[in-house]
């Protein structure tokens, strides 16, 4: 089986990364297509979405992937002046403009929370994000393995591929999340899966100059990368930096998803946004 991952960056622009890790022998080659979107939000408090978001949804409907993953920042929170009513309106807009069209495609949808969705120090944001996703939990088409801590961190199995969404909405991931994830990855389901894919908002390493600083990447990133490798993570998908960039750290594959909302950024050493 081959796993093809499409990162949908902006209007009809696709970056493709083909995972070619040998899997078990199969009588007939099969394909599992995963589309990755990320960073859909507009300016703080906005309930509108950039036209590229709607163009991307049309493209996804045409591509018919087997799974859609979102790298976070689905709404535009993380500002103290935004009221509860405004935050609820943002989630209602996301539901109407993004989630419902995806559900109409009948494609399973996995996600991770971003800093603008549920930053740890913004308790109202986290509460409302939790309420929204708990109401949607059984409508996402995911085959959950552990949803005890949903929507902040959870695991699921799709076509014998093991997925974990973890709470990387800030640079510091809580120790209990690492402990939970290690148990998941060392379980029978985790060890026997064809691939192990981790989805989180903040990346291991910076790829744009403006985000090349503490707080914009995972803290203790080298130790974290070592943890991923030790526990058999094959691919880490992240967002946040608003630039598309596939990379390797040893045998660990990294996929930095570009944004389809406002604010694409150039890669370090470049002047043109990486879209």
C-alpha atoms as a PDB file:
ATOM      1  CA  UNK A   1       0.000   0.000   0.000  1.00  0.00           C
ATOM      2  CA  UNK A   2       1.199   3.481  -0.807  1.00  0.00           C
ATOM      3  CA  UNK A   3       0.158   6.513   1.214  1.00  0.00           C
ATOM      4  CA  UNK A   4      -0.058   9.754  -0.738  1.00  0.00           C
ATOM      5  CA  UNK A   5      -0.310  12.989   1.219  1.00  0.00           C
ATOM      6  CA  UNK A   6      -1.510  16.120  -0.519  1.00  0.00           C
ATOM      7  CA  UNK A   7      -0.891  19.412   1.264  1.00  0.00           C
ATOM      8  CA  UNK A   8      -3.432  21.900  -0.002  1.00  0.00           C
ATOM      9  CA  UNK A   9      -1.726  25.254   0.171  1.00  0.00           C
ATOM     10  CA  UNK A  10      -3.853  27.809  -1.632  1.00  0.00           C
ATOM     11  CA  UNK A  11      -5.988  28.223  -4.736  1.00  0.00           C
ATOM     12  CA  UNK A  12      -5.504  25.034  -6.773  1.00  0.00           C
ATOM     13  CA  UNK A  13      -1.892  24.688  -5.588  1.00  0.00           C
ATOM     14  CA  UNK A  14      -0.923  21.261  -4.252  1.00  0.00           C
ATOM     15  CA  UNK A  15       2.343  20.099  -2.756  1.00  0.00           C
ATOM     16  CA  UNK A  16       2.664  16.299  -2.769  1.00  0.00           C
ATOM     17  CA  UNK A  17       4.831  14.059  -0.624  1.00  0.00           C
ATOM     18  CA  UNK A  18       4.708  10.324  -1.377  1.00  0.00           C
ATOM     19  CA  UNK A  19       5.575   8.070   1.543  1.00  0.00           C
ATOM     20  CA  UNK A  20       7.496   5.139   0.114  1.00  0.00           C
ATOM     21  CA  UNK A  21       8.312   3.166   3.248  1.00  0.00           C
ATOM     22  CA  UNK A  22       8.001  -0.551   2.437  1.00  0.00           C
ATOM     23  CA  UNK A  23       4.878  -2.034   3.976  1.00  0.00           C
ATOM     24  CA  UNK A  24       3.688  -5.613   4.202  1.00  0.00           C
ATOM     25  CA  UNK A  25       3.319  -7.614   1.007  1.00  0.00           C
ATOM     26  CA  UNK A  26      -0.094  -7.252  -0.548  1.00  0.00           C
ATOM     27  CA  UNK A  27      -1.576  -9.081  -3.523  1.00  0.00           C
ATOM     28  CA  UNK A  28      -2.572  -5.828  -5.160  1.00  0.00           C
ATOM     29  CA  UNK A  29      -1.115  -2.344  -4.729  1.00  0.00           C
ATOM     30  CA  UNK A  30      -3.519   0.025  -3.059  1.00  0.00           C
ATOM     31  CA  UNK A  31      -3.430   3.737  -2.362  1.00  0.00           C
ATOM     32  CA  UNK A  32      -4.612   5.737   0.627  1.00  0.00           C
ATOM     33  CA  UNK A  33      -4.878   9.455  -0.102  1.00  0.00           C
ATOM     34  CA  UNK A  34      -4.598  11.957   2.743  1.00  0.00           C
ATOM     35  CA  UNK A  35      -5.252  15.656   2.184  1.00  0.00           C
ATOM     36  CA  UNK A  36      -3.715  18.089   4.677  1.00  0.00           C
ATOM     37  CA  UNK A  37      -5.039  21.604   5.282  1.00  0.00           C
ATOM     38  CA  UNK A  38      -3.980  24.025   7.994  1.00  0.00           C
ATOM     39  CA  UNK A  39      -4.249  27.566   9.357  1.00  0.00           C
ATOM     40  CA  UNK A  40      -7.588  28.553   7.895  1.00  0.00           C
ATOM     41  CA  UNK A  41      -8.264  31.538  10.150  1.00  0.00           C
ATOM     42  CA  UNK A  42      -8.435  35.207   9.239  1.00  0.00           C
ATOM     43  CA  UNK A  43      -7.738  38.159  11.582  1.00  0.00           C
ATOM     44  CA  UNK A  44      -8.541  38.051  15.323  1.00  0.00           C
ATOM     45  CA  UNK A  45     -12.237  37.496  15.944  1.00  0.00           C
ATOM     46  CA  UNK A  46     -13.118  37.125  12.258  1.00  0.00           C
ATOM     47  CA  UNK A  47     -16.008  34.880  11.270  1.00  0.00           C
ATOM     48  CA  UNK A  48     -15.209  35.125   7.565  1.00  0.00           C
ATOM     49  CA  UNK A  49     -12.809  32.897   5.627  1.00  0.00           C
ATOM     50  CA  UNK A  50     -10.426  33.760   2.801  1.00  0.00           C
ATOM     51  CA  UNK A  51     -11.653  32.818  -0.713  1.00  0.00           C
ATOM     52  CA  UNK A  52      -8.808  30.282  -0.931  1.00  0.00           C
ATOM     53  CA  UNK A  53     -10.496  28.273   1.818  1.00  0.00           C
ATOM     54  CA  UNK A  54     -13.613  27.850  -0.306  1.00  0.00           C
ATOM     55  CA  UNK A  55     -11.529  27.099  -3.402  1.00  0.00           C
ATOM     56  CA  UNK A  56      -9.664  24.446  -1.417  1.00  0.00           C
ATOM     57  CA  UNK A  57     -12.916  22.799  -0.335  1.00  0.00           C
ATOM     58  CA  UNK A  58     -13.988  22.557  -3.989  1.00  0.00           C
ATOM     59  CA  UNK A  59     -10.625  21.030  -4.869  1.00  0.00           C
ATOM     60  CA  UNK A  60     -10.943  18.509  -2.049  1.00  0.00           C
ATOM     61  CA  UNK A  61     -14.359  17.497  -3.323  1.00  0.00           C
ATOM     62  CA  UNK A  62     -12.759  16.891  -6.707  1.00  0.00           C
ATOM     63  CA  UNK A  63      -9.751  14.984  -5.319  1.00  0.00           C
ATOM     64  CA  UNK A  64     -11.877  12.698  -3.130  1.00  0.00           C
ATOM     65  CA  UNK A  65      -9.154  11.853  -0.597  1.00  0.00           C
ATOM     66  CA  UNK A  66      -9.670   9.005   1.840  1.00  0.00           C
ATOM     67  CA  UNK A  67      -8.970  11.255   4.839  1.00  0.00           C
ATOM     68  CA  UNK A  68      -8.682  15.004   5.469  1.00  0.00           C
ATOM     69  CA  UNK A  69      -6.401  16.250   8.244  1.00  0.00           C
ATOM     70  CA  UNK A  70      -6.327  19.802   9.607  1.00  0.00           C
ATOM     71  CA  UNK A  71      -3.213  21.148  11.335  1.00  0.00           C
ATOM     72  CA  UNK A  72      -5.077  23.630  13.527  1.00  0.00           C
ATOM     73  CA  UNK A  73      -6.028  27.310  13.673  1.00  0.00           C
ATOM     74  CA  UNK A  74      -9.544  26.789  12.403  1.00  0.00           C
ATOM     75  CA  UNK A  75     -10.846  29.920  14.145  1.00  0.00           C
ATOM     76  CA  UNK A  76      -9.256  33.237  15.086  1.00  0.00           C
ATOM     77  CA  UNK A  77      -9.137  33.316  18.867  1.00  0.00           C
ATOM     78  CA  UNK A  78      -6.278  33.867  21.356  1.00  0.00           C
ATOM     79  CA  UNK A  79      -7.142  37.451  22.212  1.00  0.00           C
ATOM     80  CA  UNK A  80      -8.476  38.526  25.608  1.00  0.00           C
ATOM     81  CA  UNK A  81     -10.919  41.092  24.187  1.00  0.00           C
ATOM     82  CA  UNK A  82     -12.806  38.475  22.158  1.00  0.00           C
ATOM     83  CA  UNK A  83     -16.054  37.661  23.949  1.00  0.00           C
ATOM     84  CA  UNK A  84     -17.650  34.278  24.497  1.00  0.00           C
ATOM     85  CA  UNK A  85     -20.372  35.169  21.992  1.00  0.00           C
ATOM     86  CA  UNK A  86     -17.767  36.118  19.384  1.00  0.00           C
ATOM     87  CA  UNK A  87     -15.891  32.862  19.902  1.00  0.00           C
ATOM     88  CA  UNK A  88     -19.079  30.856  19.587  1.00  0.00           C
ATOM     89  CA  UNK A  89     -19.864  32.759  16.384  1.00  0.00           C
ATOM     90  CA  UNK A  90     -16.431  31.843  15.002  1.00  0.00           C
ATOM     91  CA  UNK A  91     -17.015  28.155  15.674  1.00  0.00           C
ATOM     92  CA  UNK A  92     -20.483  28.387  14.140  1.00  0.00           C
ATOM     93  CA  UNK A  93     -18.932  29.922  11.042  1.00  0.00           C
ATOM     94  CA  UNK A  94     -16.310  27.171  10.871  1.00  0.00           C
ATOM     95  CA  UNK A  95     -19.060  24.582  11.178  1.00  0.00           C
ATOM     96  CA  UNK A  96     -21.122  26.147   8.396  1.00  0.00           C
ATOM     97  CA  UNK A  97     -18.348  27.091   5.987  1.00  0.00           C
ATOM     98  CA  UNK A  98     -15.772  24.323   6.473  1.00  0.00           C
ATOM     99  CA  UNK A  99     -16.871  21.316   8.503  1.00  0.00           C
ATOM    100  CA  UNK A 100     -20.327  20.782   7.020  1.00  0.00           C
ATOM    101  CA  UNK A 101     -19.041  20.901   3.417  1.00  0.00           C
ATOM    102  CA  UNK A 102     -16.426  18.295   4.359  1.00  0.00           C
ATOM    103  CA  UNK A 103     -19.069  16.120   6.011  1.00  0.00           C
ATOM    104  CA  UNK A 104     -21.177  16.383   2.870  1.00  0.00           C
ATOM    105  CA  UNK A 105     -18.228  14.873   0.981  1.00  0.00           C
ATOM    106  CA  UNK A 106     -18.470  11.890   3.369  1.00  0.00           C
ATOM    107  CA  UNK A 107     -14.720  12.000   3.997  1.00  0.00           C
ATOM    108  CA  UNK A 108     -13.369  11.316   7.516  1.00  0.00           C
ATOM    109  CA  UNK A 109     -11.903  14.433   9.157  1.00  0.00           C
ATOM    110  CA  UNK A 110      -9.083  14.493  11.697  1.00  0.00           C
ATOM    111  CA  UNK A 111      -7.703  17.632  13.301  1.00  0.00           C
ATOM    112  CA  UNK A 112      -5.458  19.082  15.956  1.00  0.00           C
ATOM    113  CA  UNK A 113      -6.132  22.259  17.934  1.00  0.00           C
ATOM    114  CA  UNK A 114      -4.000  25.316  17.174  1.00  0.00           C
ATOM    115  CA  UNK A 115      -2.977  28.289  19.298  1.00  0.00           C
ATOM    116  CA  UNK A 116      -5.856  30.357  17.873  1.00  0.00           C
ATOM    117  CA  UNK A 117      -8.301  27.553  18.669  1.00  0.00           C
ATOM    118  CA  UNK A 118      -7.336  26.524  22.180  1.00  0.00           C
ATOM    119  CA  UNK A 119      -4.130  28.053  23.556  1.00  0.00           C
ATOM    120  CA  UNK A 120      -3.517  26.680  27.086  1.00  0.00           C
ATOM    121  CA  UNK A 121      -3.586  30.087  28.782  1.00  0.00           C
ATOM    122  CA  UNK A 122      -6.898  31.066  27.123  1.00  0.00           C
ATOM    123  CA  UNK A 123      -9.347  29.077  29.198  1.00  0.00           C
ATOM    124  CA  UNK A 124     -12.463  30.430  27.489  1.00  0.00           C
ATOM    125  CA  UNK A 125     -11.078  29.430  24.095  1.00  0.00           C
ATOM    126  CA  UNK A 126     -10.315  25.925  25.335  1.00  0.00           C
ATOM    127  CA  UNK A 127     -13.719  25.491  26.952  1.00  0.00           C
ATOM    128  CA  UNK A 128     -15.605  26.556  23.841  1.00  0.00           C
ATOM    129  CA  UNK A 129     -13.372  24.508  21.543  1.00  0.00           C
ATOM    130  CA  UNK A 130     -13.993  21.470  23.721  1.00  0.00           C
ATOM    131  CA  UNK A 131     -17.748  22.033  23.707  1.00  0.00           C
ATOM    132  CA  UNK A 132     -17.803  22.408  19.927  1.00  0.00           C
ATOM    133  CA  UNK A 133     -15.784  19.284  19.192  1.00  0.00           C
ATOM    134  CA  UNK A 134     -17.494  17.063  21.756  1.00  0.00           C
ATOM    135  CA  UNK A 135     -20.734  17.764  19.923  1.00  0.00           C
ATOM    136  CA  UNK A 136     -19.072  16.723  16.650  1.00  0.00           C
ATOM    137  CA  UNK A 137     -17.076  13.764  17.967  1.00  0.00           C
ATOM    138  CA  UNK A 138     -19.182  10.991  16.478  1.00  0.00           C
ATOM    139  CA  UNK A 139     -19.758  12.807  13.179  1.00  0.00           C
ATOM    140  CA  UNK A 140     -16.123  12.882  12.008  1.00  0.00           C
ATOM    141  CA  UNK A 141     -15.944   9.367  10.588  1.00  0.00           C
ATOM    142  CA  UNK A 142     -12.931   8.414  12.730  1.00  0.00           C
ATOM    143  CA  UNK A 143     -12.315   4.955  14.171  1.00  0.00           C
ATOM    144  CA  UNK A 144     -11.199   6.048  17.629  1.00  0.00           C
ATOM    145  CA  UNK A 145      -8.726   4.065  19.660  1.00  0.00           C
ATOM    146  CA  UNK A 146      -8.648   6.478  22.636  1.00  0.00           C
ATOM    147  CA  UNK A 147     -10.869   9.541  22.887  1.00  0.00           C
ATOM    148  CA  UNK A 148     -10.642  10.029  26.660  1.00  0.00           C
ATOM    149  CA  UNK A 149      -8.973  13.434  26.277  1.00  0.00           C
ATOM    150  CA  UNK A 150     -10.741  14.496  23.070  1.00  0.00           C
ATOM    151  CA  UNK A 151     -10.423  17.030  21.457  1.00  0.00           C
ATOM    152  CA  UNK A 152      -7.016  17.961  22.859  1.00  0.00           C
ATOM    153  CA  UNK A 153      -5.291  14.630  22.316  1.00  0.00           C
ATOM    154  CA  UNK A 154      -6.708  11.407  20.941  1.00  0.00           C
ATOM    155  CA  UNK A 155      -5.899   8.487  18.644  1.00  0.00           C
ATOM    156  CA  UNK A 156      -7.644   6.688  15.816  1.00  0.00           C
ATOM    157  CA  UNK A 157      -7.026   4.020  13.180  1.00  0.00           C
ATOM    158  CA  UNK A 158      -7.889   4.522   9.527  1.00  0.00           C
ATOM    159  CA  UNK A 159      -7.114   1.783   7.002  1.00  0.00           C
ATOM    160  CA  UNK A 160      -4.525   0.261   9.350  1.00  0.00           C
ATOM    161  CA  UNK A 161      -2.715   3.594   9.713  1.00  0.00           C
ATOM    162  CA  UNK A 162      -2.396   4.822  13.303  1.00  0.00           C
ATOM    163  CA  UNK A 163      -3.008   8.533  13.878  1.00  0.00           C
ATOM    164  CA  UNK A 164      -2.429  10.600  16.992  1.00  0.00           C
ATOM    165  CA  UNK A 165      -3.534  14.201  17.435  1.00  0.00           C
ATOM    166  CA  UNK A 166      -1.702  15.778  20.346  1.00  0.00           C
ATOM    167  CA  UNK A 167      -2.036  19.130  22.102  1.00  0.00           C
ATOM    168  CA  UNK A 168       0.783  21.160  20.572  1.00  0.00           C
ATOM    169  CA  UNK A 169      -1.216  24.389  20.682  1.00  0.00           C
ATOM    170  CA  UNK A 170       1.717  25.930  22.568  1.00  0.00           C
ATOM    171  CA  UNK A 171       5.430  25.211  22.645  1.00  0.00           C
ATOM    172  CA  UNK A 172       5.252  23.288  25.913  1.00  0.00           C
ATOM    173  CA  UNK A 173       3.442  19.968  25.712  1.00  0.00           C
ATOM    174  CA  UNK A 174       2.400  18.640  29.112  1.00  0.00           C
ATOM    175  CA  UNK A 175       4.307  15.571  30.422  1.00  0.00           C
ATOM    176  CA  UNK A 176       1.078  13.588  30.789  1.00  0.00           C
ATOM    177  CA  UNK A 177       0.536  13.946  27.029  1.00  0.00           C
ATOM    178  CA  UNK A 178       3.943  12.374  26.342  1.00  0.00           C
ATOM    179  CA  UNK A 179       3.147   9.569  28.795  1.00  0.00           C
ATOM    180  CA  UNK A 180      -0.224   8.929  27.179  1.00  0.00           C
ATOM    181  CA  UNK A 181       1.278   8.996  23.689  1.00  0.00           C
ATOM    182  CA  UNK A 182       4.029   6.528  24.564  1.00  0.00           C
ATOM    183  CA  UNK A 183       1.426   4.068  25.832  1.00  0.00           C
ATOM    184  CA  UNK A 184      -0.559   4.517  22.626  1.00  0.00           C
ATOM    185  CA  UNK A 185       2.449   3.958  20.386  1.00  0.00           C
ATOM    186  CA  UNK A 186       3.700   0.961  22.353  1.00  0.00           C
ATOM    187  CA  UNK A 187       0.267  -0.685  22.396  1.00  0.00           C
ATOM    188  CA  UNK A 188      -0.559  -3.549  20.083  1.00  0.00           C
ATOM    189  CA  UNK A 189      -2.536  -1.271  17.778  1.00  0.00           C
ATOM    190  CA  UNK A 190       0.252   1.295  17.639  1.00  0.00           C
ATOM    191  CA  UNK A 191       3.063  -1.198  17.078  1.00  0.00           C
ATOM    192  CA  UNK A 192       1.221  -3.256  14.476  1.00  0.00           C
ATOM    193  CA  UNK A 193      -0.047  -0.342  12.353  1.00  0.00           C
ATOM    194  CA  UNK A 194       1.453   0.116   8.903  1.00  0.00           C
ATOM    195  CA  UNK A 195       2.375   3.718   9.672  1.00  0.00           C
ATOM    196  CA  UNK A 196       2.244   5.982  12.721  1.00  0.00           C
ATOM    197  CA  UNK A 197       1.331   9.596  11.956  1.00  0.00           C
ATOM    198  CA  UNK A 198       1.360  12.394  14.530  1.00  0.00           C
ATOM    199  CA  UNK A 199      -0.592  15.601  13.959  1.00  0.00           C
ATOM    200  CA  UNK A 200       0.170  18.727  16.018  1.00  0.00           C
ATOM    201  CA  UNK A 201       0.074  22.460  15.469  1.00  0.00           C
ATOM    202  CA  UNK A 202       3.546  23.704  16.402  1.00  0.00           C
ATOM    203  CA  UNK A 203       6.487  22.233  14.471  1.00  0.00           C
ATOM    204  CA  UNK A 204       9.746  20.824  15.758  1.00  0.00           C
ATOM    205  CA  UNK A 205      11.829  23.397  13.901  1.00  0.00           C
ATOM    206  CA  UNK A 206      11.292  26.866  12.455  1.00  0.00           C
ATOM    207  CA  UNK A 207      11.111  27.275   8.699  1.00  0.00           C
ATOM    208  CA  UNK A 208      10.250  31.007   8.508  1.00  0.00           C
ATOM    209  CA  UNK A 209      12.308  33.866   9.934  1.00  0.00           C
ATOM    210  CA  UNK A 210       9.492  35.577  11.849  1.00  0.00           C
ATOM    211  CA  UNK A 211       8.732  32.344  13.749  1.00  0.00           C
ATOM    212  CA  UNK A 212      12.328  31.352  14.390  1.00  0.00           C
ATOM    213  CA  UNK A 213      12.177  31.959  18.134  1.00  0.00           C
ATOM    214  CA  UNK A 214      11.120  30.428  21.411  1.00  0.00           C
ATOM    215  CA  UNK A 215       7.377  29.908  21.714  1.00  0.00           C
ATOM    216  CA  UNK A 216       6.894  29.381  17.972  1.00  0.00           C
ATOM    217  CA  UNK A 217       8.345  25.851  17.843  1.00  0.00           C
ATOM    218  CA  UNK A 218       8.157  22.943  20.268  1.00  0.00           C
ATOM    219  CA  UNK A 219      10.300  23.416  23.355  1.00  0.00           C
ATOM    220  CA  UNK A 220      13.121  20.915  23.871  1.00  0.00           C
ATOM    221  CA  UNK A 221      12.711  20.006  20.241  1.00  0.00           C
ATOM    222  CA  UNK A 222      15.721  17.702  20.012  1.00  0.00           C
ATOM    223  CA  UNK A 223      14.487  15.652  22.974  1.00  0.00           C
ATOM    224  CA  UNK A 224      11.033  15.625  21.431  1.00  0.00           C
ATOM    225  CA  UNK A 225      12.402  14.448  18.073  1.00  0.00           C
ATOM    226  CA  UNK A 226      14.269  11.676  19.906  1.00  0.00           C
ATOM    227  CA  UNK A 227      11.004  10.693  21.639  1.00  0.00           C
ATOM    228  CA  UNK A 228       9.248  10.491  18.260  1.00  0.00           C
ATOM    229  CA  UNK A 229      11.970   8.273  16.811  1.00  0.00           C
ATOM    230  CA  UNK A 230      12.163   6.040  19.884  1.00  0.00           C
ATOM    231  CA  UNK A 231       8.416   5.410  19.751  1.00  0.00           C
ATOM    232  CA  UNK A 232       8.164   4.761  16.049  1.00  0.00           C
ATOM    233  CA  UNK A 233       6.564   7.933  14.714  1.00  0.00           C
ATOM    234  CA  UNK A 234       6.929   7.821  10.921  1.00  0.00           C
ATOM    235  CA  UNK A 235       5.599  11.287  10.108  1.00  0.00           C
ATOM    236  CA  UNK A 236       4.952  14.480  12.054  1.00  0.00           C
ATOM    237  CA  UNK A 237       2.521  16.906  10.393  1.00  0.00           C
ATOM    238  CA  UNK A 238       2.384  20.469  11.755  1.00  0.00           C
ATOM    239  CA  UNK A 239       1.129  23.934  10.855  1.00  0.00           C
ATOM    240  CA  UNK A 240       1.581  27.344  12.493  1.00  0.00           C
ATOM    241  CA  UNK A 241       4.492  28.653  10.415  1.00  0.00           C
ATOM    242  CA  UNK A 242       2.290  29.377   7.364  1.00  0.00           C
ATOM    243  CA  UNK A 243       4.722  27.832   4.888  1.00  0.00           C
ATOM    244  CA  UNK A 244       4.846  24.490   3.107  1.00  0.00           C
ATOM    245  CA  UNK A 245       8.026  22.506   3.614  1.00  0.00           C
ATOM    246  CA  UNK A 246       8.566  18.725   3.623  1.00  0.00           C
ATOM    247  CA  UNK A 247      11.713  17.640   5.456  1.00  0.00           C
ATOM    248  CA  UNK A 248      13.550  14.871   7.291  1.00  0.00           C
ATOM    249  CA  UNK A 249      15.134  14.615  10.726  1.00  0.00           C
ATOM    250  CA  UNK A 250      17.063  11.390  10.375  1.00  0.00           C
ATOM    251  CA  UNK A 251      14.427   8.815   9.442  1.00  0.00           C
ATOM    252  CA  UNK A 252      11.600  10.954  10.818  1.00  0.00           C
ATOM    253  CA  UNK A 253       9.548  12.601   8.110  1.00  0.00           C
ATOM    254  CA  UNK A 254       8.314  16.136   8.790  1.00  0.00           C
ATOM    255  CA  UNK A 255       5.564  17.875   6.855  1.00  0.00           C
ATOM    256  CA  UNK A 256       5.104  21.589   7.533  1.00  0.00           C
ATOM    257  CA  UNK A 257       1.728  22.508   6.076  1.00  0.00           C
ATOM    258  CA  UNK A 258       1.143  25.876   4.454  1.00  0.00           C
ATOM    259  CA  UNK A 259      -1.791  28.093   5.357  1.00  0.00           C
ATOM    260  CA  UNK A 260      -4.969  28.478   3.337  1.00  0.00           C
ATOM    261  CA  UNK A 261      -6.169  31.414   5.402  1.00  0.00           C
ATOM    262  CA  UNK A 262      -4.561  34.829   5.794  1.00  0.00           C
ATOM    263  CA  UNK A 263      -0.804  35.407   5.998  1.00  0.00           C
ATOM    264  CA  UNK A 264       1.402  33.020   3.989  1.00  0.00           C
ATOM    265  CA  UNK A 265       5.071  33.539   4.849  1.00  0.00           C
ATOM    266  CA  UNK A 266       8.360  33.066   2.983  1.00  0.00           C
ATOM    267  CA  UNK A 267      10.764  30.339   3.975  1.00  0.00           C
ATOM    268  CA  UNK A 268      13.947  31.481   5.658  1.00  0.00           C
ATOM    269  CA  UNK A 269      16.282  32.994   3.074  1.00  0.00           C
ATOM    270  CA  UNK A 270      13.449  33.734   0.629  1.00  0.00           C
ATOM    271  CA  UNK A 271      11.272  36.762  -0.070  1.00  0.00           C
ATOM    272  CA  UNK A 272       8.292  35.103  -1.735  1.00  0.00           C
ATOM    273  CA  UNK A 273       5.590  33.409   0.414  1.00  0.00           C
ATOM    274  CA  UNK A 274       5.909  29.624   0.310  1.00  0.00           C
ATOM    275  CA  UNK A 275       2.557  28.908  -1.306  1.00  0.00           C
END
